[in-house]
Amino acid sequence: MSVPQASDEIGELLKRARTIAVVGLSDSPLRPSFGVSAYMQEQGYRIIPVNPSINGALGEKAVASLSDIREKIDIVDIFRKSEAVPPIVEEAIKLGVPAIWMQEDVMHEPSAEKARKAGIFVVMDRCILKEHKKRFV
């Protein structure tokens, strides 16, 4: 008799996702957002920088907000302080994004709960690079 496997929702998300909008992506190679996004890009994901303060990063043109993106977003990856999360989540809900990922040390439970109620898969206080490496490298 086989033992049922525990569901790995993060692994499933990372398998099916193709496009990641990175809110707060820096154009500086010294910043964690740049290194994590570069890794994910190397793994085959399309990275869209969302930062009104830069022209672009990792060979991609930056947009000022999620609403400026004209293609399907699979994951909104948030590299901002926790207090900056609510309007980002509101925008993601309006756009019907399937997943919101808050990087390590980024937590906002009321926004996470609101997103979950809207049917969005939420990951909070975890590094997408570390979670990807754990499963696929």
C-alpha atoms as a PDB file:
ATOM      1  CA  MET A   1       0.000   0.000   0.000  1.00  0.00           C
ATOM      2  CA  SER A   2       1.411   3.402  -0.938  1.00  0.00           C
ATOM      3  CA  VAL A   3       1.616   6.228   1.549  1.00  0.00           C
ATOM      4  CA  PRO A   4       0.027   9.452   0.289  1.00  0.00           C
ATOM      5  CA  GLN A   5       2.584  12.176  -0.395  1.00  0.00           C
ATOM      6  CA  ALA A   6       2.222  15.491   1.401  1.00  0.00           C
ATOM      7  CA  SER A   7       1.225  18.252  -0.975  1.00  0.00           C
ATOM      8  CA  ASP A   8       4.033  20.609  -1.957  1.00  0.00           C
ATOM      9  CA  GLU A   9       2.121  23.698  -3.013  1.00  0.00           C
ATOM     10  CA  ILE A  10       5.288  25.793  -3.295  1.00  0.00           C
ATOM     11  CA  GLY A  11       6.932  23.196  -5.530  1.00  0.00           C
ATOM     12  CA  GLU A  12       3.821  22.993  -7.711  1.00  0.00           C
ATOM     13  CA  LEU A  13       3.697  26.794  -7.988  1.00  0.00           C
ATOM     14  CA  LEU A  14       7.361  26.966  -9.005  1.00  0.00           C
ATOM     15  CA  LYS A  15       6.831  24.207 -11.599  1.00  0.00           C
ATOM     16  CA  ARG A  16       3.913  25.885 -13.348  1.00  0.00           C
ATOM     17  CA  ALA A  17       4.969  29.557 -13.014  1.00  0.00           C
ATOM     18  CA  ARG A  18       6.756  31.221 -15.927  1.00  0.00           C
ATOM     19  CA  THR A  19       6.537  34.977 -15.261  1.00  0.00           C
ATOM     20  CA  ILE A  20       7.525  36.672 -12.005  1.00  0.00           C
ATOM     21  CA  ALA A  21       6.863  40.365 -11.399  1.00  0.00           C
ATOM     22  CA  VAL A  22       9.453  41.459  -8.827  1.00  0.00           C
ATOM     23  CA  VAL A  23       8.221  44.477  -6.870  1.00  0.00           C
ATOM     24  CA  GLY A  24      11.194  46.391  -5.499  1.00  0.00           C
ATOM     25  CA  LEU A  25      13.761  44.836  -7.848  1.00  0.00           C
ATOM     26  CA  SER A  26      16.952  46.900  -7.707  1.00  0.00           C
ATOM     27  CA  ASP A  27      19.294  47.461 -10.646  1.00  0.00           C
ATOM     28  CA  SER A  28      22.256  47.094  -8.253  1.00  0.00           C
ATOM     29  CA  PRO A  29      23.976  43.683  -8.347  1.00  0.00           C
ATOM     30  CA  LEU A  30      24.782  44.207  -4.647  1.00  0.00           C
ATOM     31  CA  ARG A  31      21.124  44.033  -3.592  1.00  0.00           C
ATOM     32  CA  PRO A  32      19.445  40.734  -2.626  1.00  0.00           C
ATOM     33  CA  SER A  33      16.532  41.433  -5.000  1.00  0.00           C
ATOM     34  CA  PHE A  34      18.954  41.524  -7.932  1.00  0.00           C
ATOM     35  CA  GLY A  35      20.768  38.301  -7.000  1.00  0.00           C
ATOM     36  CA  VAL A  36      17.578  36.356  -6.313  1.00  0.00           C
ATOM     37  CA  SER A  37      15.949  37.598  -9.528  1.00  0.00           C
ATOM     38  CA  ALA A  38      19.088  36.823 -11.568  1.00  0.00           C
ATOM     39  CA  TYR A  39      19.031  33.254 -10.222  1.00  0.00           C
ATOM     40  CA  MET A  40      15.345  32.830 -11.081  1.00  0.00           C
ATOM     41  CA  GLN A  41      15.979  34.249 -14.561  1.00  0.00           C
ATOM     42  CA  GLU A  42      18.814  31.737 -15.032  1.00  0.00           C
ATOM     43  CA  GLN A  43      16.323  28.982 -14.123  1.00  0.00           C
ATOM     44  CA  GLY A  44      14.120  30.007 -17.049  1.00  0.00           C
ATOM     45  CA  TYR A  45      11.631  32.371 -15.433  1.00  0.00           C
ATOM     46  CA  ARG A  46      10.761  35.675 -17.091  1.00  0.00           C
ATOM     47  CA  ILE A  47      11.480  38.481 -14.645  1.00  0.00           C
ATOM     48  CA  ILE A  48       9.610  41.776 -14.836  1.00  0.00           C
ATOM     49  CA  PRO A  49      11.153  44.536 -12.677  1.00  0.00           C
ATOM     50  CA  VAL A  50       8.496  46.614 -10.890  1.00  0.00           C
ATOM     51  CA  ASN A  51      10.221  49.732  -9.594  1.00  0.00           C
ATOM     52  CA  PRO A  52       9.437  53.335 -10.623  1.00  0.00           C
ATOM     53  CA  SER A  53      12.980  54.403  -9.641  1.00  0.00           C
ATOM     54  CA  ILE A  54      14.883  52.373 -12.269  1.00  0.00           C
ATOM     55  CA  ASN A  55      14.806  52.048 -16.065  1.00  0.00           C
ATOM     56  CA  GLY A  56      15.407  48.326 -15.992  1.00  0.00           C
ATOM     57  CA  ALA A  57      17.332  45.378 -14.543  1.00  0.00           C
ATOM     58  CA  LEU A  58      18.609  42.022 -15.813  1.00  0.00           C
ATOM     59  CA  GLY A  59      18.032  43.090 -19.416  1.00  0.00           C
ATOM     60  CA  GLU A  60      14.330  43.784 -18.790  1.00  0.00           C
ATOM     61  CA  LYS A  61      12.587  47.169 -18.920  1.00  0.00           C
ATOM     62  CA  ALA A  62      11.163  48.198 -15.554  1.00  0.00           C
ATOM     63  CA  VAL A  63       7.549  49.210 -15.018  1.00  0.00           C
ATOM     64  CA  ALA A  64       6.279  51.576 -12.338  1.00  0.00           C
ATOM     65  CA  SER A  65       3.477  49.335 -11.062  1.00  0.00           C
ATOM     66  CA  LEU A  66       1.881  45.916 -11.517  1.00  0.00           C
ATOM     67  CA  SER A  67      -0.930  47.554 -13.505  1.00  0.00           C
ATOM     68  CA  ASP A  68       1.612  48.570 -16.166  1.00  0.00           C
ATOM     69  CA  ILE A  69       2.347  44.925 -17.009  1.00  0.00           C
ATOM     70  CA  ARG A  70       0.608  43.805 -20.200  1.00  0.00           C
ATOM     71  CA  GLU A  71       1.172  40.058 -19.901  1.00  0.00           C
ATOM     72  CA  LYS A  72       0.065  37.276 -17.588  1.00  0.00           C
ATOM     73  CA  ILE A  73       1.814  37.358 -14.208  1.00  0.00           C
ATOM     74  CA  ASP A  74       2.200  34.029 -12.406  1.00  0.00           C
ATOM     75  CA  ILE A  75       3.857  35.300  -9.210  1.00  0.00           C
ATOM     76  CA  VAL A  76       4.194  38.740  -7.648  1.00  0.00           C
ATOM     77  CA  ASP A  77       7.442  38.581  -5.653  1.00  0.00           C
ATOM     78  CA  ILE A  78       7.654  41.377  -3.072  1.00  0.00           C
ATOM     79  CA  PHE A  79      11.045  42.802  -2.072  1.00  0.00           C
ATOM     80  CA  ARG A  80       9.718  45.736  -0.049  1.00  0.00           C
ATOM     81  CA  LYS A  81       9.330  46.516   3.643  1.00  0.00           C
ATOM     82  CA  SER A  82       6.343  44.841   5.277  1.00  0.00           C
ATOM     83  CA  GLU A  83       4.508  48.155   5.691  1.00  0.00           C
ATOM     84  CA  ALA A  84       4.618  48.653   1.885  1.00  0.00           C
ATOM     85  CA  VAL A  85       2.777  45.361   1.233  1.00  0.00           C
ATOM     86  CA  PRO A  86      -0.940  46.381   1.455  1.00  0.00           C
ATOM     87  CA  PRO A  87      -1.194  48.463  -1.750  1.00  0.00           C
ATOM     88  CA  ILE A  88       0.834  45.856  -3.676  1.00  0.00           C
ATOM     89  CA  VAL A  89      -1.535  43.102  -2.556  1.00  0.00           C
ATOM     90  CA  GLU A  90      -4.564  45.286  -3.411  1.00  0.00           C
ATOM     91  CA  GLU A  91      -3.213  45.755  -6.941  1.00  0.00           C
ATOM     92  CA  ALA A  92      -2.440  42.028  -7.292  1.00  0.00           C
ATOM     93  CA  ILE A  93      -6.002  41.167  -6.203  1.00  0.00           C
ATOM     94  CA  LYS A  94      -7.454  43.592  -8.795  1.00  0.00           C
ATOM     95  CA  LEU A  95      -5.292  41.997 -11.492  1.00  0.00           C
ATOM     96  CA  GLY A  96      -6.253  38.450 -10.470  1.00  0.00           C
ATOM     97  CA  VAL A  97      -2.666  37.313  -9.962  1.00  0.00           C
ATOM     98  CA  PRO A  98      -2.593  33.640  -8.846  1.00  0.00           C
ATOM     99  CA  ALA A  99       0.292  33.905  -6.341  1.00  0.00           C
ATOM    100  CA  ILE A 100       1.931  36.470  -4.071  1.00  0.00           C
ATOM    101  CA  TRP A 101       5.357  35.768  -2.622  1.00  0.00           C
ATOM    102  CA  MET A 102       6.741  37.889   0.227  1.00  0.00           C
ATOM    103  CA  GLN A 103      10.486  37.459   0.589  1.00  0.00           C
ATOM    104  CA  GLU A 104      12.282  36.711   3.875  1.00  0.00           C
ATOM    105  CA  ASP A 105      11.427  39.242   6.595  1.00  0.00           C
ATOM    106  CA  VAL A 106       8.462  40.528   4.584  1.00  0.00           C
ATOM    107  CA  MET A 107       5.249  39.781   6.455  1.00  0.00           C
ATOM    108  CA  HIS A 108       1.799  41.333   6.484  1.00  0.00           C
ATOM    109  CA  GLU A 109      -0.807  38.931   7.804  1.00  0.00           C
ATOM    110  CA  PRO A 110      -3.897  41.126   7.144  1.00  0.00           C
ATOM    111  CA  SER A 111      -2.863  41.501   3.480  1.00  0.00           C
ATOM    112  CA  ALA A 112      -2.018  37.807   3.221  1.00  0.00           C
ATOM    113  CA  GLU A 113      -5.446  36.909   4.597  1.00  0.00           C
ATOM    114  CA  LYS A 114      -7.175  39.316   2.214  1.00  0.00           C
ATOM    115  CA  ALA A 115      -5.277  37.777  -0.728  1.00  0.00           C
ATOM    116  CA  ARG A 116      -6.157  34.241   0.391  1.00  0.00           C
ATOM    117  CA  LYS A 117      -9.838  35.202   0.621  1.00  0.00           C
ATOM    118  CA  ALA A 118      -9.534  36.451  -2.974  1.00  0.00           C
ATOM    119  CA  GLY A 119      -8.267  32.997  -4.001  1.00  0.00           C
ATOM    120  CA  ILE A 120      -4.591  33.903  -4.235  1.00  0.00           C
ATOM    121  CA  PHE A 121      -1.874  31.501  -3.062  1.00  0.00           C
ATOM    122  CA  VAL A 122       0.368  33.345  -0.572  1.00  0.00           C
ATOM    123  CA  VAL A 123       3.907  32.597   0.566  1.00  0.00           C
ATOM    124  CA  MET A 124       5.258  34.820   3.316  1.00  0.00           C
ATOM    125  CA  ASP A 125       8.703  35.291   4.889  1.00  0.00           C
ATOM    126  CA  ARG A 126      10.464  32.847   2.535  1.00  0.00           C
ATOM    127  CA  CYS A 127      13.124  33.259  -0.129  1.00  0.00           C
ATOM    128  CA  ILE A 128      12.006  32.100  -3.579  1.00  0.00           C
ATOM    129  CA  LEU A 129      15.630  31.250  -4.500  1.00  0.00           C
ATOM    130  CA  LYS A 130      16.110  29.039  -1.425  1.00  0.00           C
ATOM    131  CA  GLU A 131      12.752  27.324  -1.986  1.00  0.00           C
ATOM    132  CA  HIS A 132      13.604  26.702  -5.646  1.00  0.00           C
ATOM    133  CA  LYS A 133      17.073  25.310  -4.824  1.00  0.00           C
ATOM    134  CA  LYS A 134      15.587  23.056  -2.126  1.00  0.00           C
ATOM    135  CA  ARG A 135      13.353  21.405  -4.701  1.00  0.00           C
ATOM    136  CA  PHE A 136      15.072  21.558  -8.060  1.00  0.00           C
ATOM    137  CA  VAL A 137      18.862  21.863  -7.703  1.00  0.00           C
END
